[in-house]
Amino acid sequence: MLAQFAHVSASSKVLIVGDIIGEYAQQALASSCGGCTVVNKAVGGTTAVQWGTSATDDTNFATAWTDGGGDFTHVWISQLGNDLITDASDACTMSQSARSGLMSNVIAKVKAVSSTVKIVLTGYCQTSSRPTDAPACSPGAMNTLALAIQDAVAAASATYVDISCVCGGSSSTYSNKIFFRDSGEDPLHLNNNSYCKVWTLNSLQSAFSCTGTPATCANPGVGGSPTTICTLGPPPPPSSTETGGAVGSEATYIVTVVAALAIQAVYMGSDATYIVAVMVHWLSKLFICFTIVAYLPPILWEA
């Protein structure tokens, strides 16, 4: 169990909204942040699309604010994870700019209710393995998600504390299973000890205006420490779909030339056929080079 603070007077009142990482947090923030009270309105399974459009009463930020009593000093948003992995046609392949736009819409809903509340985002701990239902979700995909959140926060003048490395992972390696539910069999959802390690980061203690001495976590020597500062990896190279236009046009040109030469050779005889065969040989090599340039870098990035 997390150590509890004796709350004499609440200096921070935090509203939690977003997905199941927020819902599972329950009151862990209040347990780890002195002088803090928490109202948790996060809903498991919800997406940034839903919170950004107030799709339902459960994902309407204005409703959450009012039902929670209002007068919040801070809002913690846990969002984008479900948008990343639940769309089978786009799982873990959505572009950084598209993800950032979804998060910006959620932040705008918060600002529409209060222009003074402090908005805090943390992203997620790197997963402990690839989700079975989203095999494209490599560490690099989670890094792109973190970069997207960072972009949205910078544009909105909110606060971003990156926690991607707190559970032992990085922009290129998976986290330690010890921080995840069901003894690590669940690669996505954090257990109590990981929430403790997140909330006791010095940067988050400051972001939520916590007072007193933070809680002591069950495994303080594993994963991040209170002074941990995560470093995001570089953006991924353009995907094959983004480069495919230029390379595809070159490939189409090569194929067209080869076909035209072949047709001409039929009418010109054996000598011309030999010349065309040589040209086809080298043009084929060129085509292979274009294919490697187009598709190999994204494959290596996701490996």
C-alpha atoms as a PDB file:
ATOM      1  CA  MET A   1       0.000   0.000   0.000  1.00  0.00           C
ATOM      2  CA  LEU A   2       1.127   3.562  -0.593  1.00  0.00           C
ATOM      3  CA  ALA A   3       1.916   5.695   2.424  1.00  0.00           C
ATOM      4  CA  GLN A   4      -0.817   8.224   3.147  1.00  0.00           C
ATOM      5  CA  PHE A   5      -0.264  11.903   3.846  1.00  0.00           C
ATOM      6  CA  ALA A   6      -2.142  13.588   6.670  1.00  0.00           C
ATOM      7  CA  HIS A   7      -3.963  16.362   4.816  1.00  0.00           C
ATOM      8  CA  VAL A   8      -4.288  19.402   6.995  1.00  0.00           C
ATOM      9  CA  SER A   9      -5.308  21.783   4.266  1.00  0.00           C
ATOM     10  CA  ALA A  10      -5.598  21.186   0.551  1.00  0.00           C
ATOM     11  CA  SER A  11      -3.467  23.526  -1.544  1.00  0.00           C
ATOM     12  CA  SER A  12      -4.010  21.634  -4.800  1.00  0.00           C
ATOM     13  CA  LYS A  13      -7.252  20.238  -6.150  1.00  0.00           C
ATOM     14  CA  VAL A  14      -6.646  17.935  -9.113  1.00  0.00           C
ATOM     15  CA  LEU A  15      -9.169  16.666 -11.648  1.00  0.00           C
ATOM     16  CA  ILE A  16      -8.133  13.483 -13.489  1.00  0.00           C
ATOM     17  CA  VAL A  17      -9.665  12.840 -16.907  1.00  0.00           C
ATOM     18  CA  GLY A  18      -8.892  10.490 -19.749  1.00  0.00           C
ATOM     19  CA  ASP A  19      -8.455   6.750 -20.165  1.00  0.00           C
ATOM     20  CA  ILE A  20      -7.901   3.673 -18.006  1.00  0.00           C
ATOM     21  CA  ILE A  21      -4.417   4.761 -16.916  1.00  0.00           C
ATOM     22  CA  GLY A  22      -6.177   7.691 -15.298  1.00  0.00           C
ATOM     23  CA  GLU A  23      -9.014   5.548 -13.944  1.00  0.00           C
ATOM     24  CA  TYR A  24      -6.638   2.970 -12.431  1.00  0.00           C
ATOM     25  CA  ALA A  25      -4.735   5.798 -10.736  1.00  0.00           C
ATOM     26  CA  GLN A  26      -7.752   6.138  -8.424  1.00  0.00           C
ATOM     27  CA  GLN A  27      -6.466   8.192  -5.476  1.00  0.00           C
ATOM     28  CA  ALA A  28      -2.770   7.304  -5.851  1.00  0.00           C
ATOM     29  CA  LEU A  29      -1.871  10.934  -6.566  1.00  0.00           C
ATOM     30  CA  ALA A  30      -3.500  12.092  -3.333  1.00  0.00           C
ATOM     31  CA  SER A  31      -1.535   9.383  -1.511  1.00  0.00           C
ATOM     32  CA  SER A  32       1.760  10.610  -2.928  1.00  0.00           C
ATOM     33  CA  CYS A  33       1.268  14.377  -3.075  1.00  0.00           C
ATOM     34  CA  GLY A  34       1.055  16.300   0.172  1.00  0.00           C
ATOM     35  CA  GLY A  35      -1.676  18.934   0.412  1.00  0.00           C
ATOM     36  CA  CYS A  36      -3.512  17.525  -2.592  1.00  0.00           C
ATOM     37  CA  THR A  37      -7.076  16.366  -3.091  1.00  0.00           C
ATOM     38  CA  VAL A  38      -8.120  14.428  -6.182  1.00  0.00           C
ATOM     39  CA  VAL A  39     -11.355  13.951  -8.106  1.00  0.00           C
ATOM     40  CA  ASN A  40     -11.023  11.128 -10.620  1.00  0.00           C
ATOM     41  CA  LYS A  41     -13.328  11.300 -13.640  1.00  0.00           C
ATOM     42  CA  ALA A  42     -11.232   9.198 -16.017  1.00  0.00           C
ATOM     43  CA  VAL A  43     -13.066   6.452 -17.926  1.00  0.00           C
ATOM     44  CA  GLY A  44     -11.348   3.270 -19.076  1.00  0.00           C
ATOM     45  CA  GLY A  45     -11.473   2.602 -22.803  1.00  0.00           C
ATOM     46  CA  THR A  46     -12.116   6.192 -23.822  1.00  0.00           C
ATOM     47  CA  THR A  47     -10.174   8.013 -26.509  1.00  0.00           C
ATOM     48  CA  ALA A  48      -8.864  11.486 -27.249  1.00  0.00           C
ATOM     49  CA  VAL A  49     -11.375  11.632 -30.089  1.00  0.00           C
ATOM     50  CA  GLN A  50     -14.196  11.209 -27.544  1.00  0.00           C
ATOM     51  CA  TRP A  51     -12.813  13.699 -24.993  1.00  0.00           C
ATOM     52  CA  GLY A  52     -11.932  16.148 -27.757  1.00  0.00           C
ATOM     53  CA  THR A  53     -15.478  16.154 -29.134  1.00  0.00           C
ATOM     54  CA  SER A  54     -17.455  15.613 -25.893  1.00  0.00           C
ATOM     55  CA  ALA A  55     -18.893  12.524 -27.555  1.00  0.00           C
ATOM     56  CA  THR A  56     -20.725  11.295 -24.435  1.00  0.00           C
ATOM     57  CA  ASP A  57     -21.567  12.567 -20.951  1.00  0.00           C
ATOM     58  CA  ASP A  58     -18.731  10.424 -19.612  1.00  0.00           C
ATOM     59  CA  THR A  59     -16.251  12.138 -21.929  1.00  0.00           C
ATOM     60  CA  ASN A  60     -17.550  15.685 -21.596  1.00  0.00           C
ATOM     61  CA  PHE A  61     -14.922  17.728 -19.786  1.00  0.00           C
ATOM     62  CA  ALA A  62     -17.351  20.481 -18.764  1.00  0.00           C
ATOM     63  CA  THR A  63     -19.563  17.849 -17.121  1.00  0.00           C
ATOM     64  CA  ALA A  64     -16.603  16.273 -15.345  1.00  0.00           C
ATOM     65  CA  TRP A  65     -15.547  19.687 -14.043  1.00  0.00           C
ATOM     66  CA  THR A  66     -18.991  20.539 -12.733  1.00  0.00           C
ATOM     67  CA  ASP A  67     -19.734  17.101 -11.264  1.00  0.00           C
ATOM     68  CA  GLY A  68     -16.359  17.160  -9.539  1.00  0.00           C
ATOM     69  CA  GLY A  69     -17.212  20.386  -7.747  1.00  0.00           C
ATOM     70  CA  GLY A  70     -15.252  22.834  -9.893  1.00  0.00           C
ATOM     71  CA  ASP A  71     -12.552  25.191  -8.585  1.00  0.00           C
ATOM     72  CA  PHE A  72      -9.763  22.834  -9.625  1.00  0.00           C
ATOM     73  CA  THR A  73      -6.213  24.100  -9.572  1.00  0.00           C
ATOM     74  CA  HIS A  74      -4.837  21.322 -11.795  1.00  0.00           C
ATOM     75  CA  VAL A  75      -6.052  18.896 -14.460  1.00  0.00           C
ATOM     76  CA  TRP A  76      -4.133  15.719 -15.305  1.00  0.00           C
ATOM     77  CA  ILE A  77      -4.977  14.301 -18.732  1.00  0.00           C
ATOM     78  CA  SER A  78      -4.131  10.679 -19.513  1.00  0.00           C
ATOM     79  CA  GLN A  79      -4.957  10.243 -23.158  1.00  0.00           C
ATOM     80  CA  LEU A  80      -3.942   9.030 -26.650  1.00  0.00           C
ATOM     81  CA  GLY A  81      -3.113   5.427 -25.729  1.00  0.00           C
ATOM     82  CA  ASN A  82      -6.424   4.005 -26.934  1.00  0.00           C
ATOM     83  CA  ASP A  83      -6.297   6.132 -30.073  1.00  0.00           C
ATOM     84  CA  LEU A  84      -2.892   4.603 -30.727  1.00  0.00           C
ATOM     85  CA  ILE A  85      -3.747   0.910 -30.443  1.00  0.00           C
ATOM     86  CA  THR A  86      -7.483   0.321 -30.851  1.00  0.00           C
ATOM     87  CA  ASP A  87      -8.017   1.206 -34.520  1.00  0.00           C
ATOM     88  CA  ALA A  88      -7.121  -2.017 -36.302  1.00  0.00           C
ATOM     89  CA  SER A  89      -6.506  -0.194 -39.584  1.00  0.00           C
ATOM     90  CA  ASP A  90      -4.212   2.386 -37.998  1.00  0.00           C
ATOM     91  CA  ALA A  91      -2.843   0.704 -34.853  1.00  0.00           C
ATOM     92  CA  CYS A  92       0.454   2.314 -33.853  1.00  0.00           C
ATOM     93  CA  THR A  93       0.947   3.830 -37.295  1.00  0.00           C
ATOM     94  CA  MET A  94      -0.899   7.147 -36.884  1.00  0.00           C
ATOM     95  CA  SER A  95       1.398  10.067 -37.700  1.00  0.00           C
ATOM     96  CA  GLN A  96       2.903  12.259 -35.013  1.00  0.00           C
ATOM     97  CA  SER A  97       1.035  15.336 -36.281  1.00  0.00           C
ATOM     98  CA  ALA A  98      -2.316  13.506 -36.276  1.00  0.00           C
ATOM     99  CA  ARG A  99      -1.798  12.340 -32.690  1.00  0.00           C
ATOM    100  CA  SER A 100      -0.767  15.826 -31.630  1.00  0.00           C
ATOM    101  CA  GLY A 101      -3.924  17.259 -33.185  1.00  0.00           C
ATOM    102  CA  LEU A 102      -6.127  14.867 -31.193  1.00  0.00           C
ATOM    103  CA  MET A 103      -4.452  15.877 -27.943  1.00  0.00           C
ATOM    104  CA  SER A 104      -4.719  19.557 -28.816  1.00  0.00           C
ATOM    105  CA  ASN A 105      -8.490  19.139 -29.140  1.00  0.00           C
ATOM    106  CA  VAL A 106      -8.678  17.671 -25.618  1.00  0.00           C
ATOM    107  CA  ILE A 107      -6.594  20.498 -24.170  1.00  0.00           C
ATOM    108  CA  ALA A 108      -8.852  23.022 -25.900  1.00  0.00           C
ATOM    109  CA  LYS A 109     -11.878  21.532 -24.107  1.00  0.00           C
ATOM    110  CA  VAL A 110     -10.133  22.107 -20.768  1.00  0.00           C
ATOM    111  CA  LYS A 111      -9.201  25.675 -21.623  1.00  0.00           C
ATOM    112  CA  ALA A 112     -12.779  26.393 -22.712  1.00  0.00           C
ATOM    113  CA  VAL A 113     -13.921  25.644 -19.155  1.00  0.00           C
ATOM    114  CA  SER A 114     -11.041  27.324 -17.317  1.00  0.00           C
ATOM    115  CA  SER A 115      -8.327  29.551 -18.699  1.00  0.00           C
ATOM    116  CA  THR A 116      -6.364  29.516 -15.439  1.00  0.00           C
ATOM    117  CA  VAL A 117      -6.252  25.844 -14.415  1.00  0.00           C
ATOM    118  CA  LYS A 118      -2.809  24.238 -14.745  1.00  0.00           C
ATOM    119  CA  ILE A 119      -2.903  21.398 -17.293  1.00  0.00           C
ATOM    120  CA  VAL A 120      -0.449  18.557 -16.691  1.00  0.00           C
ATOM    121  CA  LEU A 121       0.285  15.685 -19.079  1.00  0.00           C
ATOM    122  CA  THR A 122       2.686  12.816 -18.571  1.00  0.00           C
ATOM    123  CA  GLY A 123       2.177  10.447 -21.458  1.00  0.00           C
ATOM    124  CA  TYR A 124       2.762   6.815 -20.559  1.00  0.00           C
ATOM    125  CA  CYS A 125       5.433   4.475 -19.284  1.00  0.00           C
ATOM    126  CA  GLN A 126       6.958   2.603 -22.197  1.00  0.00           C
ATOM    127  CA  THR A 127       5.129  -0.729 -22.539  1.00  0.00           C
ATOM    128  CA  SER A 128       6.737  -3.927 -21.244  1.00  0.00           C
ATOM    129  CA  SER A 129       6.183  -5.740 -24.570  1.00  0.00           C
ATOM    130  CA  ARG A 130       4.223  -5.460 -27.804  1.00  0.00           C
ATOM    131  CA  PRO A 131       0.453  -5.668 -27.161  1.00  0.00           C
ATOM    132  CA  THR A 132      -0.852  -8.889 -28.682  1.00  0.00           C
ATOM    133  CA  ASP A 133      -3.666  -7.052 -30.477  1.00  0.00           C
ATOM    134  CA  ALA A 134      -1.347  -4.337 -31.835  1.00  0.00           C
ATOM    135  CA  PRO A 135       1.863  -5.993 -33.078  1.00  0.00           C
ATOM    136  CA  ALA A 136       3.045  -2.780 -34.750  1.00  0.00           C
ATOM    137  CA  CYS A 137       3.413  -1.095 -31.350  1.00  0.00           C
ATOM    138  CA  SER A 138       7.183  -1.133 -31.021  1.00  0.00           C
ATOM    139  CA  PRO A 139       9.052   1.126 -28.572  1.00  0.00           C
ATOM    140  CA  GLY A 140       9.484   3.522 -31.479  1.00  0.00           C
ATOM    141  CA  ALA A 141       5.707   3.870 -31.856  1.00  0.00           C
ATOM    142  CA  MET A 142       5.347   4.789 -28.184  1.00  0.00           C
ATOM    143  CA  ASN A 143       8.153   7.303 -28.583  1.00  0.00           C
ATOM    144  CA  THR A 144       6.244   8.955 -31.416  1.00  0.00           C
ATOM    145  CA  LEU A 145       3.190   9.164 -29.160  1.00  0.00           C
ATOM    146  CA  ALA A 146       5.287  10.927 -26.502  1.00  0.00           C
ATOM    147  CA  LEU A 147       6.634  13.355 -29.090  1.00  0.00           C
ATOM    148  CA  ALA A 148       3.075  14.110 -30.224  1.00  0.00           C
ATOM    149  CA  ILE A 149       1.988  14.913 -26.663  1.00  0.00           C
ATOM    150  CA  GLN A 150       5.039  17.122 -26.272  1.00  0.00           C
ATOM    151  CA  ASP A 151       4.078  19.032 -29.431  1.00  0.00           C
ATOM    152  CA  ALA A 152       0.490  19.575 -28.249  1.00  0.00           C
ATOM    153  CA  VAL A 153       1.617  20.731 -24.816  1.00  0.00           C
ATOM    154  CA  ALA A 154       4.116  23.207 -26.255  1.00  0.00           C
ATOM    155  CA  ALA A 155       1.453  24.721 -28.504  1.00  0.00           C
ATOM    156  CA  ALA A 156      -0.965  25.109 -25.567  1.00  0.00           C
ATOM    157  CA  SER A 157       1.538  26.321 -22.937  1.00  0.00           C
ATOM    158  CA  ALA A 158       0.632  23.386 -20.705  1.00  0.00           C
ATOM    159  CA  THR A 159       3.016  21.288 -18.564  1.00  0.00           C
ATOM    160  CA  TYR A 160       4.527  18.049 -19.828  1.00  0.00           C
ATOM    161  CA  VAL A 161       6.505  15.679 -17.621  1.00  0.00           C
ATOM    162  CA  ASP A 162       7.635  12.723 -19.725  1.00  0.00           C
ATOM    163  CA  ILE A 163       7.360   9.442 -17.771  1.00  0.00           C
ATOM    164  CA  SER A 164       8.207   7.082 -20.626  1.00  0.00           C
ATOM    165  CA  CYS A 165      11.440   5.879 -18.962  1.00  0.00           C
ATOM    166  CA  VAL A 166      10.226   5.694 -15.348  1.00  0.00           C
ATOM    167  CA  CYS A 167       9.322   2.003 -15.583  1.00  0.00           C
ATOM    168  CA  GLY A 168      12.737   1.022 -16.913  1.00  0.00           C
ATOM    169  CA  GLY A 169      12.104   1.452 -20.652  1.00  0.00           C
ATOM    170  CA  SER A 170      13.269   4.007 -23.187  1.00  0.00           C
ATOM    171  CA  SER A 171      12.482   5.275 -26.663  1.00  0.00           C
ATOM    172  CA  SER A 172      13.962   2.063 -28.061  1.00  0.00           C
ATOM    173  CA  THR A 173      13.576  -0.588 -25.310  1.00  0.00           C
ATOM    174  CA  TYR A 174      10.630  -2.041 -23.400  1.00  0.00           C
ATOM    175  CA  SER A 175       9.959  -1.418 -19.700  1.00  0.00           C
ATOM    176  CA  ASN A 176      10.463  -3.754 -16.747  1.00  0.00           C
ATOM    177  CA  LYS A 177       7.454  -6.053 -16.280  1.00  0.00           C
ATOM    178  CA  ILE A 178       7.593  -5.517 -12.520  1.00  0.00           C
ATOM    179  CA  PHE A 179       5.684  -2.237 -12.924  1.00  0.00           C
ATOM    180  CA  PHE A 180       2.679  -3.667 -14.756  1.00  0.00           C
ATOM    181  CA  ARG A 181      -0.496  -5.363 -13.633  1.00  0.00           C
ATOM    182  CA  ASP A 182      -0.980  -9.120 -13.411  1.00  0.00           C
ATOM    183  CA  SER A 183       2.700  -9.707 -12.647  1.00  0.00           C
ATOM    184  CA  GLY A 184       3.679  -8.165 -15.950  1.00  0.00           C
ATOM    185  CA  GLU A 185       1.321 -10.227 -18.103  1.00  0.00           C
ATOM    186  CA  ASP A 186      -0.475  -6.963 -18.873  1.00  0.00           C
ATOM    187  CA  PRO A 187       2.078  -4.915 -20.869  1.00  0.00           C
ATOM    188  CA  LEU A 188       0.099  -1.657 -20.779  1.00  0.00           C
ATOM    189  CA  HIS A 189      -1.548  -0.947 -17.429  1.00  0.00           C
ATOM    190  CA  LEU A 190       0.443   0.172 -14.426  1.00  0.00           C
ATOM    191  CA  ASN A 191       0.359  -1.323 -10.934  1.00  0.00           C
ATOM    192  CA  ASN A 192       0.409   0.640  -7.658  1.00  0.00           C
ATOM    193  CA  ASN A 193       4.182   0.740  -7.418  1.00  0.00           C
ATOM    194  CA  SER A 194       4.551   2.340 -10.849  1.00  0.00           C
ATOM    195  CA  TYR A 195       1.970   5.011  -9.980  1.00  0.00           C
ATOM    196  CA  CYS A 196       3.981   5.701  -6.847  1.00  0.00           C
ATOM    197  CA  LYS A 197       7.181   6.105  -8.855  1.00  0.00           C
ATOM    198  CA  VAL A 198       5.435   8.420 -11.298  1.00  0.00           C
ATOM    199  CA  TRP A 199       3.873  10.699  -8.695  1.00  0.00           C
ATOM    200  CA  THR A 200       7.034  10.944  -6.592  1.00  0.00           C
ATOM    201  CA  LEU A 201       9.101  12.326  -9.459  1.00  0.00           C
ATOM    202  CA  ASN A 202      10.442  15.699  -8.349  1.00  0.00           C
ATOM    203  CA  SER A 203       9.156  17.263 -11.563  1.00  0.00           C
ATOM    204  CA  LEU A 204       5.589  16.071 -10.906  1.00  0.00           C
ATOM    205  CA  GLN A 205       5.708  16.977  -7.227  1.00  0.00           C
ATOM    206  CA  SER A 206       6.492  20.478  -8.429  1.00  0.00           C
ATOM    207  CA  ALA A 207       3.921  20.430 -11.233  1.00  0.00           C
ATOM    208  CA  PHE A 208       1.102  19.575  -8.791  1.00  0.00           C
ATOM    209  CA  SER A 209       2.426  21.913  -6.059  1.00  0.00           C
ATOM    210  CA  CYS A 210       2.802  19.029  -3.593  1.00  0.00           C
ATOM    211  CA  THR A 211       4.022  19.704  -0.063  1.00  0.00           C
ATOM    212  CA  GLY A 212       5.829  17.577   2.504  1.00  0.00           C
ATOM    213  CA  THR A 213       7.842  14.410   1.898  1.00  0.00           C
ATOM    214  CA  PRO A 214       6.674  12.107  -0.909  1.00  0.00           C
ATOM    215  CA  ALA A 215       5.668   8.502  -0.280  1.00  0.00           C
ATOM    216  CA  THR A 216       8.272   5.724  -0.318  1.00  0.00           C
ATOM    217  CA  CYS A 217       7.674   3.328  -3.200  1.00  0.00           C
ATOM    218  CA  ALA A 218       7.835  -0.454  -2.833  1.00  0.00           C
ATOM    219  CA  ASN A 219      10.724  -0.879  -5.294  1.00  0.00           C
ATOM    220  CA  PRO A 220      12.669   2.397  -5.201  1.00  0.00           C
ATOM    221  CA  GLY A 221      15.766   0.841  -6.775  1.00  0.00           C
ATOM    222  CA  VAL A 222      14.030  -0.391  -9.926  1.00  0.00           C
ATOM    223  CA  GLY A 223      13.187   1.883 -12.817  1.00  0.00           C
ATOM    224  CA  GLY A 224      13.236   5.648 -12.377  1.00  0.00           C
ATOM    225  CA  SER A 225      14.219   7.663  -9.322  1.00  0.00           C
ATOM    226  CA  PRO A 226      12.673  10.937  -8.067  1.00  0.00           C
ATOM    227  CA  THR A 227      15.263  12.870 -10.069  1.00  0.00           C
ATOM    228  CA  THR A 228      14.719  10.933 -13.306  1.00  0.00           C
ATOM    229  CA  ILE A 229      14.368  13.044 -16.440  1.00  0.00           C
ATOM    230  CA  CYS A 230      13.365  11.029 -19.496  1.00  0.00           C
ATOM    231  CA  THR A 231      14.839  11.783 -22.899  1.00  0.00           C
ATOM    232  CA  LEU A 232      12.745  11.176 -25.981  1.00  0.00           C
ATOM    233  CA  GLY A 233      14.222   9.611 -29.080  1.00  0.00           C
ATOM    234  CA  PRO A 234      14.247  11.315 -32.494  1.00  0.00           C
ATOM    235  CA  PRO A 235      11.147  11.333 -34.688  1.00  0.00           C
ATOM    236  CA  PRO A 236      10.841   8.284 -36.962  1.00  0.00           C
ATOM    237  CA  PRO A 237      11.876   8.559 -40.605  1.00  0.00           C
ATOM    238  CA  PRO A 238       9.099   9.138 -43.148  1.00  0.00           C
ATOM    239  CA  SER A 239       6.921   6.084 -43.546  1.00  0.00           C
ATOM    240  CA  SER A 240       6.747   4.134 -46.794  1.00  0.00           C
ATOM    241  CA  THR A 241       3.368   5.718 -47.476  1.00  0.00           C
ATOM    242  CA  GLU A 242       4.880   9.183 -47.096  1.00  0.00           C
ATOM    243  CA  THR A 243       7.836   8.442 -49.392  1.00  0.00           C
ATOM    244  CA  GLY A 244       5.907   6.175 -51.706  1.00  0.00           C
ATOM    245  CA  GLY A 245       4.674   9.034 -53.911  1.00  0.00           C
ATOM    246  CA  ALA A 246       8.109  10.076 -55.145  1.00  0.00           C
ATOM    247  CA  VAL A 247       9.603   6.598 -55.256  1.00  0.00           C
ATOM    248  CA  GLY A 248       6.454   5.159 -56.779  1.00  0.00           C
ATOM    249  CA  SER A 249       6.567   7.681 -59.615  1.00  0.00           C
ATOM    250  CA  GLU A 250      10.203   6.780 -60.334  1.00  0.00           C
ATOM    251  CA  ALA A 251       9.382   3.065 -60.327  1.00  0.00           C
ATOM    252  CA  THR A 252       6.440   3.639 -62.673  1.00  0.00           C
ATOM    253  CA  TYR A 253       8.727   5.544 -65.037  1.00  0.00           C
ATOM    254  CA  ILE A 254      11.270   2.696 -65.074  1.00  0.00           C
ATOM    255  CA  VAL A 255       8.616   0.087 -65.778  1.00  0.00           C
ATOM    256  CA  THR A 256       7.204   2.219 -68.594  1.00  0.00           C
ATOM    257  CA  VAL A 257      10.619   2.631 -70.199  1.00  0.00           C
ATOM    258  CA  VAL A 258      11.332  -1.089 -69.999  1.00  0.00           C
ATOM    259  CA  ALA A 259       7.983  -1.952 -71.547  1.00  0.00           C
ATOM    260  CA  ALA A 260       8.522   0.542 -74.374  1.00  0.00           C
ATOM    261  CA  LEU A 261      11.998  -0.832 -75.119  1.00  0.00           C
ATOM    262  CA  ALA A 262      10.701  -4.387 -75.155  1.00  0.00           C
ATOM    263  CA  ILE A 263       7.989  -3.494 -77.655  1.00  0.00           C
ATOM    264  CA  GLN A 264      10.523  -1.684 -79.844  1.00  0.00           C
ATOM    265  CA  ALA A 265      12.867  -4.687 -79.768  1.00  0.00           C
ATOM    266  CA  VAL A 266      10.184  -6.894 -81.298  1.00  0.00           C
ATOM    267  CA  TYR A 267      10.273  -4.762 -84.439  1.00  0.00           C
ATOM    268  CA  MET A 268      14.044  -4.177 -84.606  1.00  0.00           C
ATOM    269  CA  GLY A 269      15.404  -7.721 -84.524  1.00  0.00           C
ATOM    270  CA  SER A 270      17.945  -9.715 -82.531  1.00  0.00           C
ATOM    271  CA  ASP A 271      20.635  -7.010 -82.176  1.00  0.00           C
ATOM    272  CA  ALA A 272      18.182  -4.574 -80.681  1.00  0.00           C
ATOM    273  CA  THR A 273      16.846  -7.345 -78.448  1.00  0.00           C
ATOM    274  CA  TYR A 274      20.325  -7.886 -76.982  1.00  0.00           C
ATOM    275  CA  ILE A 275      20.769  -4.162 -76.311  1.00  0.00           C
ATOM    276  CA  VAL A 276      17.369  -3.956 -74.655  1.00  0.00           C
ATOM    277  CA  ALA A 277      18.169  -7.023 -72.520  1.00  0.00           C
ATOM    278  CA  VAL A 278      21.274  -5.298 -71.166  1.00  0.00           C
ATOM    279  CA  MET A 279      19.301  -2.124 -70.436  1.00  0.00           C
ATOM    280  CA  VAL A 280      16.568  -4.119 -68.703  1.00  0.00           C
ATOM    281  CA  HIS A 281      19.235  -5.786 -66.557  1.00  0.00           C
ATOM    282  CA  TRP A 282      20.591  -2.474 -65.250  1.00  0.00           C
ATOM    283  CA  LEU A 283      17.214  -0.813 -64.978  1.00  0.00           C
ATOM    284  CA  SER A 284      16.062  -3.734 -62.832  1.00  0.00           C
ATOM    285  CA  LYS A 285      18.991  -3.147 -60.493  1.00  0.00           C
ATOM    286  CA  LEU A 286      18.027   0.520 -60.288  1.00  0.00           C
ATOM    287  CA  PHE A 287      14.448  -0.435 -59.482  1.00  0.00           C
ATOM    288  CA  ILE A 288      15.669  -2.674 -56.627  1.00  0.00           C
ATOM    289  CA  CYS A 289      17.691   0.232 -55.206  1.00  0.00           C
ATOM    290  CA  PHE A 290      14.641   2.491 -55.222  1.00  0.00           C
ATOM    291  CA  THR A 291      12.639  -0.205 -53.432  1.00  0.00           C
ATOM    292  CA  ILE A 292      15.261  -0.605 -50.693  1.00  0.00           C
ATOM    293  CA  VAL A 293      15.471   3.159 -50.107  1.00  0.00           C
ATOM    294  CA  ALA A 294      11.693   3.406 -49.861  1.00  0.00           C
ATOM    295  CA  TYR A 295      10.853   0.517 -47.577  1.00  0.00           C
ATOM    296  CA  LEU A 296      13.875  -0.641 -45.603  1.00  0.00           C
ATOM    297  CA  PRO A 297      14.346   2.373 -43.223  1.00  0.00           C
ATOM    298  CA  PRO A 298      10.767   2.228 -41.825  1.00  0.00           C
ATOM    299  CA  ILE A 299      11.078  -1.553 -41.342  1.00  0.00           C
ATOM    300  CA  LEU A 300      14.343  -1.163 -39.425  1.00  0.00           C
ATOM    301  CA  TRP A 301      12.815   1.624 -37.310  1.00  0.00           C
ATOM    302  CA  GLU A 302       9.920  -0.569 -36.219  1.00  0.00           C
ATOM    303  CA  ALA A 303      12.110  -3.630 -35.577  1.00  0.00           C
END
